[in-house]
Amino acid sequence: MWFVCRNQQNGAGKRLLLACLLAKAHRPEVDIRKPYTEIGDPDTFSGRTYDEQVIGPFIHEHSLPCNQTTAFLTPALRNRNVILTSDLNLVGRPPQLYQTVLQLLDDVYRERVDAELLLAAAIQCLITFRDELFQQIQSLLTQLPSPDEALSLSAESIVILIQNHLALPKSSRLPVLVVAAAYQAVSMQIGAVLRPLNAHNAADKQTGALGDIELTLIAENDVIASYEMKDKRISKIDIDTALAKVMRFRNASGKNIGHYVFITTNAIDRDVADYAASLYTSTNGIEFVILDCIGFLRHFLHLFHRFRMQFLEAYQELLLIEPNSAVSDAMKEAFLSMRIAAEAGME
């Protein structure tokens, strides 16, 4: 159970275990291994319902280190109608995590352990793990010098710090935070503000957003610029998809945005960039452009050199409030450690 609750590689196992244990504790007559009503047996239950309606709000309320979304929509668990026996291969990663969850469900089914007791132990384990992670972050924060004590990092030092952070695995959310922090740092100077960031796994169709980041004028609510982040090469298909989205927005609202910007951490193909630029005339003045994430940051920090530390503070703040499903505690700790080392080198 500890292996499941303290696993940071994949949080789906925690919610699967909690949902099934809760269902069994709530309705002792159900088979804990049958969280799919599609199975058709009278002792089945909807694991997704327990997960979304009870476990999810509980996790959010108590800031437990679990996925923010249901386990039953992950590749290993969605579209299934089979009994979760201990020998089932869920084809999830890491395999040992899912094997451990299935064994725990089997132990409850065979009455080797009580569902309520195991549920209580799992919650206690998550609370302990949450507190440990919080203390680790707080310990690192105390090692950072106060703003009035530290010699400000150079713009290039900040670029290198962010570049090294982006190079870590599972960093796809970070470019959003880079651009958001940049605009947050100079909002008053440029007379524009960011709309609140959407969840990292929220689709534009669900939120109605034009992109990952939307910029509006302070005195108005109209979107003047939209940013979409990609950790892959931008293709002409990506451009056409964005164009269609912008056209739907214009047709529905009667308004244009100023420009639509792709930010990528990958190489930029010249022909794709030229294709994006060619849309300016045909869209009656909407500029589509593709920018390299680090290139964007380097230019920003030199253009607004006096605000480079405000950017760094904004990036750190946005990073630390991101849910673990978007940015893991390991990624947060890595950034703080990198920043501590960078600022120590200035002494």
Protein backbone atom coordinates (compact mmCIF):
# COMPACT_ATOMS: atom_id res chain seq x y z
CA MET A 1 0.00 0.00 0.00
CA TRP A 2 2.86 2.39 0.79
CA PHE A 3 4.34 1.75 -2.65
CA VAL A 4 1.09 2.85 -4.29
CA CYS A 5 0.40 5.89 -2.11
CA ARG A 6 3.94 7.27 -2.28
CA ASN A 7 4.44 6.64 -6.00
CA GLN A 8 5.17 9.86 -7.90
CA GLN A 9 5.55 8.32 -11.34
CA ASN A 10 1.85 7.54 -11.78
CA GLY A 11 -0.95 8.76 -9.50
CA ALA A 12 -3.78 6.82 -11.12
CA GLY A 13 -3.19 3.80 -8.89
CA LYS A 14 -3.93 5.85 -5.77
CA ARG A 15 -7.33 7.00 -7.00
CA LEU A 16 -8.22 3.54 -8.30
CA LEU A 17 -7.42 2.03 -4.90
CA LEU A 18 -9.25 4.74 -2.94
CA ALA A 19 -12.37 4.57 -5.11
CA CYS A 20 -12.65 0.80 -4.89
CA LEU A 21 -12.01 0.73 -1.15
CA LEU A 22 -14.59 3.44 -0.55
CA ALA A 23 -17.19 1.57 -2.62
CA LYS A 24 -16.57 -1.63 -0.66
CA ALA A 25 -16.73 0.19 2.68
CA HIS A 26 -19.93 1.97 1.63
CA ARG A 27 -21.59 -1.11 0.10
CA PRO A 28 -20.14 -4.31 1.57
CA GLU A 29 -22.15 -6.45 -0.85
CA VAL A 30 -20.19 -5.32 -3.94
CA ASP A 31 -17.17 -7.15 -5.37
CA ILE A 32 -14.29 -4.70 -4.96
CA ARG A 33 -12.73 -6.08 -8.17
CA LYS A 34 -15.72 -5.02 -10.31
CA PRO A 35 -15.67 -1.21 -10.65
CA TYR A 36 -17.39 -1.35 -14.05
CA THR A 37 -21.18 -1.59 -14.26
CA GLU A 38 -20.72 -2.78 -17.86
CA ILE A 39 -19.69 -6.16 -16.42
CA GLY A 40 -23.40 -6.66 -15.78
CA ASP A 41 -23.21 -8.61 -12.52
CA PRO A 42 -25.37 -7.53 -9.56
CA ASP A 43 -22.29 -6.95 -7.37
CA THR A 44 -20.66 -4.39 -9.67
CA PHE A 45 -20.35 -0.67 -8.96
CA SER A 46 -19.27 2.48 -10.80
CA GLY A 47 -15.71 3.15 -9.70
CA ARG A 48 -15.64 6.29 -11.77
CA THR A 49 -18.65 7.70 -9.91
CA TYR A 50 -17.03 7.13 -6.52
CA ASP A 51 -13.77 8.54 -7.89
CA GLU A 52 -15.22 11.71 -9.42
CA GLN A 53 -17.95 12.52 -6.92
CA VAL A 54 -16.23 11.65 -3.61
CA ILE A 55 -12.52 10.90 -3.96
CA GLY A 56 -11.77 13.84 -6.27
CA PRO A 57 -13.30 16.55 -4.02
CA PHE A 58 -11.69 14.95 -0.95
CA ILE A 59 -8.26 15.01 -2.63
CA HIS A 60 -8.72 18.64 -3.66
CA GLU A 61 -9.95 19.76 -0.21
CA HIS A 62 -7.00 18.19 1.59
CA SER A 63 -4.32 18.77 -1.09
CA LEU A 64 -3.41 15.10 -1.20
CA PRO A 65 -0.61 14.03 -3.59
CA CYS A 66 -2.87 12.36 -6.15
CA ASN A 67 -3.98 12.98 -9.72
CA GLN A 68 -6.49 15.81 -10.04
CA THR A 69 -8.57 13.82 -12.54
CA THR A 70 -10.24 10.43 -12.36
CA ALA A 71 -8.18 7.28 -12.70
CA PHE A 72 -10.89 5.70 -14.83
CA LEU A 73 -10.08 7.83 -17.87
CA THR A 74 -6.41 6.84 -17.95
CA PRO A 75 -5.33 4.51 -20.78
CA ALA A 76 -4.93 1.55 -18.41
CA LEU A 77 -8.46 1.76 -17.03
CA ARG A 78 -10.83 3.36 -19.53
CA ASN A 79 -13.15 1.40 -21.82
CA ARG A 80 -12.92 -1.76 -19.74
CA ASN A 81 -15.61 -4.20 -18.61
CA VAL A 82 -13.53 -6.92 -16.97
CA ILE A 83 -12.99 -8.05 -13.40
CA LEU A 84 -9.78 -6.61 -11.95
CA THR A 85 -8.22 -9.90 -10.93
CA SER A 86 -4.68 -10.08 -9.56
CA ASP A 87 -3.36 -11.72 -12.76
CA LEU A 88 -4.82 -9.08 -15.11
CA ASN A 89 -2.35 -7.07 -17.22
CA LEU A 90 -3.59 -3.48 -17.26
CA VAL A 91 -0.72 -2.40 -19.56
CA GLY A 92 0.03 0.57 -17.35
CA ARG A 93 3.32 2.05 -16.22
CA PRO A 94 4.99 1.21 -13.98
CA PRO A 95 3.62 -2.36 -14.14
CA GLN A 96 4.47 -3.01 -10.49
CA LEU A 97 2.15 -0.19 -9.42
CA TYR A 98 -0.90 -1.71 -11.09
CA GLN A 99 0.06 -5.21 -9.97
CA THR A 100 0.22 -3.98 -6.39
CA VAL A 101 -3.20 -2.32 -6.61
CA LEU A 102 -4.74 -5.46 -8.10
CA GLN A 103 -3.21 -7.58 -5.34
CA LEU A 104 -4.62 -5.26 -2.68
CA LEU A 105 -8.07 -5.51 -4.24
CA ASP A 106 -7.73 -9.28 -4.25
CA ASP A 107 -6.70 -9.26 -0.59
CA VAL A 108 -9.87 -7.36 0.29
CA TYR A 109 -11.98 -9.67 -1.89
CA ARG A 110 -10.57 -12.73 -0.10
CA GLU A 111 -11.10 -11.02 3.28
CA ARG A 112 -7.41 -11.02 4.15
CA VAL A 113 -7.77 -7.31 5.01
CA ASP A 114 -10.74 -5.07 5.83
CA ALA A 115 -11.66 -2.42 3.29
CA GLU A 116 -12.34 0.30 5.88
CA LEU A 117 -9.05 -0.31 7.66
CA LEU A 118 -7.09 -0.29 4.41
CA LEU A 119 -8.88 2.88 3.26
CA ALA A 120 -8.01 4.63 6.52
CA ALA A 121 -4.39 3.47 6.27
CA ALA A 122 -4.13 4.69 2.66
CA ILE A 123 -5.49 8.12 3.56
CA GLN A 124 -3.10 8.38 6.51
CA CYS A 125 -0.22 7.43 4.23
CA LEU A 126 -1.19 10.13 1.73
CA ILE A 127 -1.45 12.75 4.47
CA THR A 128 1.99 11.82 5.77
CA PHE A 129 3.45 11.92 2.26
CA ARG A 130 1.79 15.29 1.59
CA ASP A 131 3.32 16.75 4.73
CA GLU A 132 6.76 15.36 3.87
CA LEU A 133 6.63 16.90 0.40
CA PHE A 134 5.51 20.24 1.83
CA GLN A 135 8.36 20.25 4.33
CA GLN A 136 10.88 19.46 1.60
CA ILE A 137 9.68 22.44 -0.46
CA GLN A 138 9.68 24.72 2.59
CA SER A 139 13.20 23.62 3.51
CA LEU A 140 14.45 24.54 0.05
CA LEU A 141 12.65 27.90 0.14
CA THR A 142 14.41 28.83 3.37
CA GLN A 143 17.76 28.33 1.63
CA LEU A 144 17.01 31.06 -0.90
CA PRO A 145 18.39 34.48 0.06
CA SER A 146 15.89 37.27 0.60
CA PRO A 147 15.54 39.73 -2.31
CA ASP A 148 17.37 42.49 -0.41
CA GLU A 149 20.27 40.17 0.45
CA ALA A 150 20.85 38.53 -2.91
CA LEU A 151 22.74 39.91 -5.87
CA SER A 152 20.30 39.71 -8.76
CA LEU A 153 20.97 36.97 -11.26
CA SER A 154 21.88 38.14 -14.74
CA ALA A 155 19.35 37.71 -17.52
CA GLU A 156 21.51 35.02 -19.10
CA SER A 157 21.83 33.16 -15.80
CA ILE A 158 18.05 33.07 -15.55
CA VAL A 159 17.80 31.82 -19.13
CA ILE A 160 20.21 28.99 -18.34
CA LEU A 161 18.30 28.15 -15.15
CA ILE A 162 14.98 27.90 -17.00
CA GLN A 163 16.57 26.06 -19.92
CA ASN A 164 17.95 23.42 -17.56
CA HIS A 165 14.56 23.10 -15.89
CA LEU A 166 12.81 22.65 -19.24
CA ALA A 167 15.32 19.92 -20.13
CA LEU A 168 14.06 17.67 -17.32
CA PRO A 169 11.60 14.85 -18.14
CA LYS A 170 7.87 15.54 -17.92
CA SER A 171 8.27 19.31 -18.31
CA SER A 172 5.49 19.92 -20.88
CA ARG A 173 3.62 22.33 -18.60
CA LEU A 174 6.64 24.56 -17.98
CA PRO A 175 6.56 26.62 -21.22
CA VAL A 176 3.07 27.79 -20.24
CA LEU A 177 4.47 29.00 -16.93
CA VAL A 178 7.43 30.70 -18.65
CA VAL A 179 5.21 32.85 -20.86
CA ALA A 180 2.64 33.46 -18.11
CA ALA A 181 5.37 34.59 -15.71
CA ALA A 182 6.82 36.94 -18.32
CA TYR A 183 3.54 38.77 -18.81
CA GLN A 184 2.73 38.69 -15.11
CA ALA A 185 6.06 40.40 -14.35
CA VAL A 186 5.40 43.38 -16.66
CA SER A 187 1.61 43.52 -16.68
CA MET A 188 1.34 47.11 -15.53
CA GLN A 189 4.14 48.28 -17.81
CA ILE A 190 2.47 46.95 -20.96
CA GLY A 191 -1.13 47.58 -19.91
CA ALA A 192 -2.22 43.98 -20.37
CA VAL A 193 -3.13 41.09 -18.09
CA LEU A 194 -3.40 37.34 -18.38
CA ARG A 195 -6.65 35.53 -18.09
CA PRO A 196 -6.46 32.80 -15.41
CA LEU A 197 -4.61 29.73 -16.64
CA ASN A 198 -6.71 26.69 -17.41
CA ALA A 199 -5.84 23.26 -16.06
CA HIS A 200 -3.00 21.56 -17.93
CA ASN A 201 -5.31 18.77 -19.16
CA ALA A 202 -8.29 20.96 -20.05
CA ALA A 203 -9.14 20.95 -23.74
CA ASP A 204 -9.83 24.27 -25.47
CA LYS A 205 -13.25 22.93 -26.54
CA GLN A 206 -14.15 22.50 -22.87
CA THR A 207 -12.86 25.86 -21.65
CA GLY A 208 -13.74 27.94 -24.69
CA ALA A 209 -10.20 29.33 -24.64
CA LEU A 210 -8.30 30.20 -27.79
CA GLY A 211 -5.05 28.83 -26.41
CA ASP A 212 -3.05 27.92 -23.31
CA ILE A 213 -2.55 31.61 -22.48
CA GLU A 214 -4.82 34.53 -23.34
CA LEU A 215 -3.78 38.16 -23.01
CA THR A 216 -6.25 41.01 -22.59
CA LEU A 217 -5.94 44.78 -22.16
CA ILE A 218 -6.28 45.90 -18.53
CA ALA A 219 -9.29 48.11 -19.24
CA GLU A 220 -11.02 45.59 -21.51
CA ASN A 221 -11.94 41.92 -21.64
CA ASP A 222 -11.17 41.24 -25.29
CA VAL A 223 -8.43 38.76 -26.11
CA ILE A 224 -5.62 40.56 -27.94
CA ALA A 225 -3.18 37.66 -28.11
CA SER A 226 -3.31 33.91 -27.65
CA TYR A 227 -0.41 31.55 -26.98
CA GLU A 228 -0.37 27.82 -27.61
CA MET A 229 2.48 25.69 -26.27
CA LYS A 230 3.82 22.60 -28.03
CA ASP A 231 6.64 20.26 -27.01
CA LYS A 232 6.91 19.04 -30.59
CA ARG A 233 7.56 20.53 -34.01
CA ILE A 234 4.75 22.78 -35.17
CA SER A 235 3.14 21.49 -38.37
CA LYS A 236 0.95 23.11 -41.00
CA ILE A 237 -1.90 21.03 -39.59
CA ASP A 238 -1.37 22.74 -36.22
CA ILE A 239 -1.52 26.11 -37.97
CA ASP A 240 -4.72 25.19 -39.82
CA THR A 241 -6.32 23.94 -36.60
CA ALA A 242 -5.51 27.22 -34.87
CA LEU A 243 -6.76 29.19 -37.87
CA ALA A 244 -10.10 27.36 -37.79
CA LYS A 245 -10.41 28.03 -34.06
CA VAL A 246 -9.68 31.74 -34.51
CA MET A 247 -12.18 31.98 -37.37
CA ARG A 248 -14.88 30.36 -35.22
CA PHE A 249 -14.09 32.86 -32.50
CA ARG A 250 -14.33 35.78 -34.94
CA ASN A 251 -17.60 34.54 -36.43
CA ALA A 252 -19.14 34.05 -33.00
CA SER A 253 -17.93 37.30 -31.41
CA GLY A 254 -17.42 39.60 -34.37
CA LYS A 255 -13.96 40.42 -33.01
CA ASN A 256 -10.38 39.70 -34.08
CA ILE A 257 -7.41 38.89 -31.92
CA GLY A 258 -4.12 40.65 -32.65
CA HIS A 259 -1.94 37.59 -32.99
CA TYR A 260 -1.78 33.87 -32.33
CA VAL A 261 1.60 32.64 -31.12
CA PHE A 262 2.92 29.09 -31.01
CA ILE A 263 5.67 28.54 -28.44
CA THR A 264 7.70 25.39 -29.03
CA THR A 265 10.62 23.67 -27.35
CA ASN A 266 11.46 21.90 -30.60
CA ALA A 267 13.01 23.00 -33.87
CA ILE A 268 11.04 25.34 -36.13
CA ASP A 269 10.66 24.37 -39.79
CA ARG A 270 11.21 27.33 -42.07
CA ASP A 271 8.41 26.40 -44.48
CA VAL A 272 5.91 26.06 -41.62
CA ALA A 273 6.96 29.44 -40.20
CA ASP A 274 6.57 31.00 -43.66
CA TYR A 275 3.12 29.41 -44.01
CA ALA A 276 2.06 30.90 -40.66
CA ALA A 277 3.30 34.33 -41.71
CA SER A 278 1.43 34.12 -45.01
CA LEU A 279 -1.95 34.10 -43.23
CA TYR A 280 -1.73 37.75 -42.19
CA THR A 281 -3.35 39.09 -45.33
CA SER A 282 -5.99 36.40 -45.78
CA THR A 283 -7.15 36.78 -42.15
CA ASN A 284 -7.41 40.54 -42.40
CA GLY A 285 -4.58 41.30 -40.00
CA ILE A 286 -4.29 38.33 -37.62
CA GLU A 287 -0.63 37.46 -37.22
CA PHE A 288 0.33 33.82 -36.73
CA VAL A 289 3.88 33.21 -35.57
CA ILE A 290 6.04 30.39 -34.19
CA LEU A 291 8.60 31.20 -31.51
CA ASP A 292 11.21 29.14 -29.73
CA CYS A 293 10.52 29.10 -25.98
CA ILE A 294 14.04 29.91 -24.84
CA GLY A 295 14.44 32.46 -27.61
CA PHE A 296 11.25 34.17 -26.43
CA LEU A 297 12.49 34.19 -22.85
CA ARG A 298 15.96 35.51 -23.71
CA HIS A 299 14.52 38.37 -25.74
CA PHE A 300 11.98 39.20 -23.03
CA LEU A 301 14.56 39.29 -20.23
CA HIS A 302 16.83 41.62 -22.14
CA LEU A 303 13.97 43.83 -23.31
CA PHE A 304 12.63 44.11 -19.74
CA HIS A 305 15.99 43.73 -18.03
CA ARG A 306 14.96 45.60 -14.87
CA PHE A 307 12.13 43.11 -14.35
CA ARG A 308 14.13 39.92 -14.71
CA MET A 309 13.90 39.01 -11.00
CA GLN A 310 10.17 39.75 -11.01
CA PHE A 311 9.93 37.20 -13.82
CA LEU A 312 11.88 34.64 -11.81
CA GLU A 313 9.71 35.16 -8.74
CA ALA A 314 6.55 34.90 -10.84
CA TYR A 315 7.76 31.68 -12.47
CA GLN A 316 8.58 30.16 -9.09
CA GLU A 317 5.20 31.19 -7.68
CA LEU A 318 3.28 29.73 -10.63
CA LEU A 319 5.39 26.58 -10.50
CA LEU A 320 4.74 25.92 -6.82
CA ILE A 321 0.96 26.34 -7.05
CA GLU A 322 0.60 23.98 -9.99
CA PRO A 323 -1.11 20.69 -9.04
CA ASN A 324 1.15 17.66 -8.88
CA SER A 325 -0.62 16.14 -11.87
CA ALA A 326 0.75 19.03 -13.97
CA VAL A 327 4.13 19.61 -12.31
CA SER A 328 5.44 16.97 -9.92
CA ASP A 329 6.98 17.81 -6.56
CA ALA A 330 10.24 16.43 -7.93
CA MET A 331 10.15 19.08 -10.68
CA LYS A 332 9.43 21.80 -8.13
CA GLU A 333 12.25 20.65 -5.87
CA ALA A 334 14.61 20.45 -8.84
CA PHE A 335 13.93 24.06 -9.78
CA LEU A 336 14.47 25.31 -6.23
CA SER A 337 17.70 23.35 -5.97
CA MET A 338 18.88 24.76 -9.31
CA ARG A 339 18.03 28.30 -8.23
CA ILE A 340 19.80 27.87 -4.89
CA ALA A 341 22.92 26.69 -6.73
CA ALA A 342 22.69 29.56 -9.25
CA GLU A 343 22.34 32.23 -6.57
CA ALA A 344 25.06 30.65 -4.42
CA GLY A 345 27.38 31.04 -7.40
CA MET A 346 26.78 34.79 -7.29
CA GLU A 347 28.26 35.11 -3.79
